[in-house]
């Protein structure tokens, strides 16, 4: 990923927070037929003794060849996309003076590199699905839980999926938030986003105000 120094975000706690808030990642692998992408919800776990250590867990359909290919092609990249927003040149005060501005997109993204290990055992998959379900259902008035379905049906569903685990060896974060712009221009664009109805635009606007400037 192209990374100008002023867009680099390397604080583990910031990168882990985006993954926790945006757990639906794109798993990129390079198997025998070339590049492949699978889109999966991930569980992220950090080490209590080492907060920089991160393990990602997910599950795929048993019919999906990606887990079988991991034995010979274990290298993996998982991309977690945070909030994004289009930025119009008209939001920069300097545009109206010099007209030297162009459109762009601001965004936050994390690339997690590691090696994929297959966890094809019922207890691992059951525990993973239970934890993911509790997290995703937490906001529901009456959260669904695995015990709501017949036990034999759940066993059948669990048998149709395979667990995967990725020990992250490198995290790369890019927070492209106008850090290379003049302070007045960045504030103008951020305040425009904060005034919009979209939560995603508001999130980018606030992040722009929070990010340290490049100069």
Protein backbone atom coordinates (compact mmCIF):
# COMPACT_ATOMS: atom_id res chain seq x y z
CA UNK A 1 0.00 0.00 0.00
CA UNK A 2 1.36 3.40 -0.96
CA UNK A 3 2.12 5.20 2.28
CA UNK A 4 3.14 8.87 2.49
CA UNK A 5 4.64 9.38 5.94
CA UNK A 6 1.98 11.90 7.00
CA UNK A 7 -0.81 9.32 6.47
CA UNK A 8 0.84 6.50 8.44
CA UNK A 9 -0.95 5.30 11.59
CA UNK A 10 1.08 2.81 13.63
CA UNK A 11 -0.38 2.97 17.14
CA UNK A 12 -1.52 -0.60 17.95
CA UNK A 13 -4.45 0.56 20.07
CA UNK A 14 -5.81 2.71 17.23
CA UNK A 15 -5.45 -0.06 14.65
CA UNK A 16 -7.01 -2.65 16.97
CA UNK A 17 -9.94 -0.32 17.67
CA UNK A 18 -10.77 0.03 13.97
CA UNK A 19 -10.69 -3.76 13.56
CA UNK A 20 -12.98 -4.19 16.56
CA UNK A 21 -15.41 -1.58 15.23
CA UNK A 22 -15.25 -2.78 11.60
CA UNK A 23 -14.81 -6.59 11.93
CA UNK A 24 -15.97 -7.45 8.40
CA UNK A 25 -12.69 -7.90 6.56
CA UNK A 26 -11.47 -8.92 3.12
CA UNK A 27 -9.21 -11.98 3.32
CA UNK A 28 -6.72 -11.87 0.43
CA UNK A 29 -4.78 -15.03 -0.45
CA UNK A 30 -2.59 -16.11 -3.34
CA UNK A 31 -3.44 -19.75 -4.04
CA UNK A 32 -2.71 -22.15 -6.88
CA UNK A 33 -5.10 -20.31 -9.20
CA UNK A 34 -3.85 -16.83 -8.25
CA UNK A 35 -5.21 -14.05 -6.10
CA UNK A 36 -8.48 -14.64 -4.26
CA UNK A 37 -10.63 -12.57 -1.91
CA UNK A 38 -13.14 -13.75 0.68
CA UNK A 39 -15.23 -11.38 2.78
CA UNK A 40 -15.66 -12.53 6.37
CA UNK A 41 -16.51 -11.31 9.88
CA UNK A 42 -13.43 -11.66 12.08
CA UNK A 43 -12.88 -12.04 15.78
CA UNK A 44 -9.77 -10.19 16.97
CA UNK A 45 -7.94 -11.18 20.14
CA UNK A 46 -4.96 -9.44 21.71
CA UNK A 47 -2.50 -10.91 24.20
CA UNK A 48 -3.01 -9.70 27.77
CA UNK A 49 0.77 -9.70 28.24
CA UNK A 50 1.56 -8.07 24.88
CA UNK A 51 -1.06 -5.70 23.50
CA UNK A 52 0.72 -5.51 20.15
CA UNK A 53 0.16 -9.24 19.54
CA UNK A 54 -3.02 -9.88 17.54
CA UNK A 55 -4.77 -13.04 16.37
CA UNK A 56 -7.67 -13.00 13.88
CA UNK A 57 -10.21 -15.82 13.72
CA UNK A 58 -12.98 -16.51 11.22
CA UNK A 59 -14.81 -19.35 9.51
CA UNK A 60 -15.45 -20.26 5.89
CA UNK A 61 -17.75 -22.69 4.14
CA UNK A 62 -16.32 -26.20 3.98
CA UNK A 63 -16.93 -26.05 0.22
CA UNK A 64 -14.66 -23.01 -0.05
CA UNK A 65 -11.21 -24.17 -1.24
CA UNK A 66 -9.39 -21.37 0.58
CA UNK A 67 -8.93 -23.41 3.76
CA UNK A 68 -7.48 -26.39 1.89
CA UNK A 69 -5.09 -24.15 -0.01
CA UNK A 70 -3.73 -22.74 3.28
CA UNK A 71 -1.53 -25.80 3.78
CA UNK A 72 0.67 -24.83 0.83
CA UNK A 73 -0.20 -21.11 0.54
CA UNK A 74 -0.55 -19.84 4.13
CA UNK A 75 0.38 -16.19 3.55
CA UNK A 76 -2.64 -13.97 3.99
CA UNK A 77 -3.65 -10.33 4.09
CA UNK A 78 -6.83 -9.12 5.75
CA UNK A 79 -8.08 -5.62 4.91
CA UNK A 80 -10.33 -3.78 7.35
CA UNK A 81 -11.95 -0.68 5.88
CA UNK A 82 -12.98 2.09 8.23
CA UNK A 83 -15.19 5.09 7.45
CA UNK A 84 -14.66 6.83 4.09
CA UNK A 85 -15.89 10.10 2.64
CA UNK A 86 -15.67 12.01 -0.63
CA UNK A 87 -14.09 15.45 -0.24
CA UNK A 88 -15.20 18.24 -2.59
CA UNK A 89 -12.72 21.02 -3.45
CA UNK A 90 -15.45 23.54 -2.69
CA UNK A 91 -15.17 22.68 1.01
CA UNK A 92 -11.67 24.17 1.17
CA UNK A 93 -11.64 27.94 1.84
CA UNK A 94 -8.46 28.30 -0.25
CA UNK A 95 -10.27 26.95 -3.33
CA UNK A 96 -12.33 30.12 -3.50
CA UNK A 97 -9.14 32.21 -3.46
CA UNK A 98 -6.72 30.28 -5.67
CA UNK A 99 -8.88 27.54 -7.26
CA UNK A 100 -5.90 25.20 -6.76
CA UNK A 101 -7.73 22.25 -5.21
CA UNK A 102 -9.07 18.96 -6.59
CA UNK A 103 -11.51 16.29 -5.35
CA UNK A 104 -10.25 13.43 -3.19
CA UNK A 105 -11.39 10.65 -0.87
CA UNK A 106 -10.46 10.46 2.79
CA UNK A 107 -10.41 7.12 4.58
CA UNK A 108 -9.04 4.91 7.33
CA UNK A 109 -7.85 1.38 6.60
CA UNK A 110 -5.86 -1.39 8.29
CA UNK A 111 -3.90 -4.13 6.50
CA UNK A 112 -3.18 -7.19 8.68
CA UNK A 113 -0.49 -9.53 7.34
CA UNK A 114 0.03 -13.05 8.68
CA UNK A 115 -0.06 -16.79 8.07
CA UNK A 116 -3.32 -18.71 7.99
CA UNK A 117 -3.79 -21.88 10.04
CA UNK A 118 -6.82 -24.15 9.62
CA UNK A 119 -8.82 -25.06 12.75
CA UNK A 120 -11.09 -27.86 11.58
CA UNK A 121 -12.50 -28.94 14.92
CA UNK A 122 -16.03 -28.59 16.24
CA UNK A 123 -15.13 -27.02 19.59
CA UNK A 124 -13.12 -24.22 17.98
CA UNK A 125 -15.83 -23.43 15.45
CA UNK A 126 -18.63 -23.62 18.00
CA UNK A 127 -16.84 -21.25 20.38
CA UNK A 128 -16.00 -18.81 17.59
CA UNK A 129 -19.54 -18.72 16.22
CA UNK A 130 -20.96 -18.28 19.72
CA UNK A 131 -18.66 -15.32 20.45
CA UNK A 132 -19.29 -13.66 17.09
CA UNK A 133 -23.03 -14.11 17.54
CA UNK A 134 -23.00 -12.54 21.00
CA UNK A 135 -21.08 -9.54 19.67
CA UNK A 136 -23.25 -9.02 16.59
CA UNK A 137 -26.53 -9.58 18.44
CA UNK A 138 -25.64 -7.35 21.40
CA UNK A 139 -27.67 -4.43 20.08
CA UNK A 140 -30.83 -6.41 19.38
CA UNK A 141 -33.85 -6.08 21.74
CA UNK A 142 -33.99 -9.87 22.00
CA UNK A 143 -30.56 -11.22 20.98
CA UNK A 144 -30.57 -14.48 19.04
CA UNK A 145 -28.42 -17.23 20.55
CA UNK A 146 -27.34 -20.61 19.28
CA UNK A 147 -29.57 -22.45 21.74
CA UNK A 148 -32.62 -20.87 20.06
CA UNK A 149 -32.20 -23.36 17.20
CA UNK A 150 -32.51 -27.17 17.48
CA UNK A 151 -29.24 -28.76 18.62
CA UNK A 152 -29.07 -31.15 15.67
CA UNK A 153 -29.58 -28.28 13.23
CA UNK A 154 -26.76 -26.25 14.82
CA UNK A 155 -24.51 -29.31 14.70
CA UNK A 156 -25.27 -29.69 10.99
CA UNK A 157 -24.53 -26.01 10.32
CA UNK A 158 -21.26 -26.15 12.28
CA UNK A 159 -20.21 -29.20 10.30
CA UNK A 160 -20.54 -27.19 7.10
CA UNK A 161 -17.91 -24.61 8.09
CA UNK A 162 -14.20 -24.65 8.90
CA UNK A 163 -12.32 -22.35 11.25
CA UNK A 164 -9.26 -20.36 10.30
CA UNK A 165 -6.79 -18.48 12.47
CA UNK A 166 -4.26 -15.83 11.45
CA UNK A 167 -1.46 -14.76 13.75
CA UNK A 168 -0.75 -11.23 12.63
CA UNK A 169 2.91 -10.55 11.91
CA UNK A 170 2.53 -7.00 10.60
CA UNK A 171 -0.13 -4.31 10.89
CA UNK A 172 -0.20 -1.36 8.52
CA UNK A 173 -2.57 1.53 9.07
CA UNK A 174 -3.32 4.40 6.71
CA UNK A 175 -5.35 7.36 7.95
CA UNK A 176 -5.73 9.64 4.90
CA UNK A 177 -7.42 12.60 6.53
CA UNK A 178 -6.07 15.71 4.87
CA UNK A 179 -3.00 15.97 7.11
CA UNK A 180 -1.15 17.49 4.14
CA UNK A 181 -3.65 20.34 3.83
CA UNK A 182 -3.51 23.74 5.45
CA UNK A 183 -5.27 23.82 8.82
CA UNK A 184 -8.03 26.14 7.56
CA UNK A 185 -8.78 23.88 4.59
CA UNK A 186 -8.86 20.75 6.73
CA UNK A 187 -11.22 22.39 9.22
CA UNK A 188 -13.48 23.56 6.41
CA UNK A 189 -13.81 20.07 4.93
CA UNK A 190 -14.19 18.43 8.36
CA UNK A 191 -16.93 20.81 9.45
CA UNK A 192 -18.82 20.20 6.20
CA UNK A 193 -18.73 16.45 6.87
CA UNK A 194 -19.81 16.91 10.49
CA UNK A 195 -22.87 18.82 9.29
CA UNK A 196 -24.02 15.93 7.06
CA UNK A 197 -26.59 13.29 8.08
CA UNK A 198 -24.34 10.31 7.37
CA UNK A 199 -22.66 8.71 10.39
CA UNK A 200 -19.79 7.67 8.13
CA UNK A 201 -19.22 11.24 6.94
CA UNK A 202 -19.41 12.51 10.51
CA UNK A 203 -16.84 9.89 11.60
CA UNK A 204 -14.40 11.00 8.91
CA UNK A 205 -14.98 14.65 9.76
CA UNK A 206 -14.18 14.08 13.43
CA UNK A 207 -11.15 11.97 12.57
CA UNK A 208 -9.87 14.80 10.37
CA UNK A 209 -10.06 17.20 13.30
CA UNK A 210 -8.36 14.71 15.62
CA UNK A 211 -5.47 13.75 13.32
CA UNK A 212 -2.19 15.64 13.79
CA UNK A 213 -1.22 17.85 10.84
CA UNK A 214 1.77 17.01 8.65
CA UNK A 215 3.16 20.52 9.10
